[in-house]
Amino acid sequence: MPETHFTKDHEYARIEGDIAVIGISDYAQSQLGDVVYVELPEVGRRLAMGEDAAVVESVKAASDVYAPISGEVVEANGALADNPAAVNQAAESGGWFFKIRIADRSELDQLMGADAYKSYTEGL
């Protein structure tokens, strides 16, 4: 099972070898409401940990999506352009935003594991 790490801003990084699949957590999509638009980063863009990487808009608000770790964007989920609601339907699987080649694995130590993230969101 792939390991998944979370930020306090509700992004996740699902590790698949030297690639991290990035998106927003199920908790985040539930707080946003119906997602109507997603702006994704360009393939080839280099992102630093914490940098604005994407935008997600819902009927309630627009929110920045930050890079949970540093790396180079190797793929963007173009299916979200036609079906942004996929974020609501499967935020942590088919509703992913982009994939990056991990630049520094040690940054993962600054993120929460699934159990810690669950405890964090229960306290919100």
Protein backbone atom coordinates (compact mmCIF):
# COMPACT_ATOMS: atom_id res chain seq x y z
CA MET A 1 0.00 0.00 0.00
CA PRO A 2 1.50 3.39 -0.93
CA GLU A 3 2.39 5.66 1.95
CA THR A 4 0.49 8.93 2.13
CA HIS A 5 1.58 12.09 3.92
CA PHE A 6 -0.56 15.15 4.73
CA THR A 7 -0.02 18.86 5.41
CA LYS A 8 -1.88 21.05 7.89
CA ASP A 9 -3.29 22.83 4.80
CA HIS A 10 -4.94 19.53 3.76
CA GLU A 11 -2.80 18.56 0.78
CA TYR A 12 -1.63 14.99 0.47
CA ALA A 13 1.42 13.39 -1.11
CA ARG A 14 0.95 9.72 -1.99
CA ILE A 15 4.38 8.20 -2.58
CA GLU A 16 4.79 5.89 -5.57
CA GLY A 17 8.51 5.22 -5.94
CA ASP A 18 10.28 8.51 -6.77
CA ILE A 19 6.95 10.17 -7.68
CA ALA A 20 4.50 11.88 -5.33
CA VAL A 21 0.84 12.11 -6.34
CA ILE A 22 -0.51 15.42 -4.99
CA GLY A 23 -4.07 16.45 -4.24
CA ILE A 24 -6.34 17.70 -1.50
CA SER A 25 -7.63 15.45 1.25
CA ASP A 26 -11.12 14.11 1.52
CA TYR A 27 -11.55 16.36 4.56
CA ALA A 28 -10.61 19.42 2.45
CA GLN A 29 -13.04 18.62 -0.36
CA SER A 30 -15.83 18.12 2.18
CA GLN A 31 -15.13 21.57 3.62
CA LEU A 32 -15.01 23.20 0.17
CA GLY A 33 -18.31 21.84 -1.10
CA ASP A 34 -18.94 21.28 -4.82
CA VAL A 35 -15.71 21.81 -6.77
CA VAL A 36 -16.38 23.70 -10.01
CA TYR A 37 -12.86 24.49 -11.33
CA VAL A 38 -9.27 23.36 -10.84
CA GLU A 39 -6.18 25.19 -12.13
CA LEU A 40 -3.18 22.88 -12.40
CA PRO A 41 0.56 23.57 -12.67
CA GLU A 42 2.43 23.17 -15.96
CA VAL A 43 4.42 19.99 -16.55
CA GLY A 44 8.10 20.79 -16.05
CA ARG A 45 7.48 23.42 -13.38
CA ARG A 46 9.76 23.11 -10.37
CA LEU A 47 8.00 23.58 -7.06
CA ALA A 48 9.44 24.30 -3.64
CA MET A 49 7.83 22.85 -0.54
CA GLY A 50 4.97 25.16 0.50
CA GLU A 51 4.84 27.03 -2.83
CA ASP A 52 1.48 27.82 -4.48
CA ALA A 53 1.04 25.06 -7.02
CA ALA A 54 -2.63 24.95 -8.03
CA VAL A 55 -6.03 26.51 -7.36
CA VAL A 56 -9.29 24.78 -6.54
CA GLU A 57 -12.59 26.67 -6.76
CA SER A 58 -15.85 25.55 -5.27
CA VAL A 59 -19.28 27.07 -4.96
CA LYS A 60 -18.11 28.40 -1.56
CA ALA A 61 -14.57 29.67 -2.17
CA ALA A 62 -11.33 29.55 -4.12
CA SER A 63 -8.32 28.04 -2.37
CA ASP A 64 -4.65 27.75 -3.17
CA VAL A 65 -3.13 24.29 -3.22
CA TYR A 66 0.45 24.21 -1.98
CA ALA A 67 3.22 21.78 -2.89
CA PRO A 68 3.58 19.51 0.13
CA ILE A 69 7.16 18.71 -0.93
CA SER A 70 9.66 20.00 -3.48
CA GLY A 71 9.95 18.53 -6.94
CA GLU A 72 9.32 18.83 -10.65
CA VAL A 73 5.81 18.44 -12.06
CA VAL A 74 5.79 15.38 -14.32
CA GLU A 75 2.05 15.09 -14.94
CA ALA A 76 -1.14 17.08 -14.37
CA ASN A 77 -4.56 15.45 -14.10
CA GLY A 78 -6.13 16.92 -17.23
CA ALA A 79 -9.35 14.98 -16.58
CA LEU A 80 -10.17 17.55 -13.86
CA ALA A 81 -10.65 20.25 -16.53
CA ASP A 82 -13.70 18.40 -17.86
CA ASN A 83 -14.79 16.92 -14.54
CA PRO A 84 -13.68 19.01 -11.53
CA ALA A 85 -16.32 17.20 -9.46
CA ALA A 86 -13.96 14.19 -9.47
CA VAL A 87 -12.26 15.98 -6.56
CA ASN A 88 -15.48 15.61 -4.55
CA GLN A 89 -16.09 12.05 -5.68
CA ALA A 90 -12.59 10.66 -5.08
CA ALA A 91 -10.28 13.32 -3.63
CA GLU A 92 -7.57 10.91 -2.54
CA SER A 93 -7.65 8.65 -5.62
CA GLY A 94 -8.99 9.70 -9.06
CA GLY A 95 -9.30 13.37 -8.04
CA TRP A 96 -5.54 13.92 -7.70
CA PHE A 97 -4.14 17.21 -9.06
CA PHE A 98 -0.58 16.57 -10.23
CA LYS A 99 2.45 14.33 -9.87
CA ILE A 100 5.96 15.47 -9.02
CA ARG A 101 9.35 13.81 -9.09
CA ILE A 102 10.48 14.02 -5.47
CA ALA A 103 13.49 16.32 -5.03
CA ASP A 104 14.18 15.72 -1.31
CA ARG A 105 12.65 12.71 0.46
CA SER A 106 13.65 14.12 3.86
CA GLU A 107 10.89 16.76 3.47
CA LEU A 108 8.37 13.95 4.00
CA ASP A 109 9.46 13.89 7.65
CA GLN A 110 7.82 17.31 8.09
CA LEU A 111 4.40 15.96 7.04
CA MET A 112 1.81 13.96 8.97
CA GLY A 113 1.06 10.31 8.43
CA ALA A 114 -2.55 9.20 7.93
CA ASP A 115 -3.24 8.54 11.64
CA ALA A 116 -1.76 11.87 12.75
CA TYR A 117 -3.74 13.70 10.04
CA LYS A 118 -6.97 12.00 11.12
CA SER A 119 -6.36 13.11 14.71
CA TYR A 120 -5.52 16.62 13.46
CA THR A 121 -8.78 16.97 11.49
CA GLU A 122 -10.85 15.57 14.36
CA GLY A 123 -9.52 18.46 16.46
CA LEU A 124 -10.64 21.13 13.97
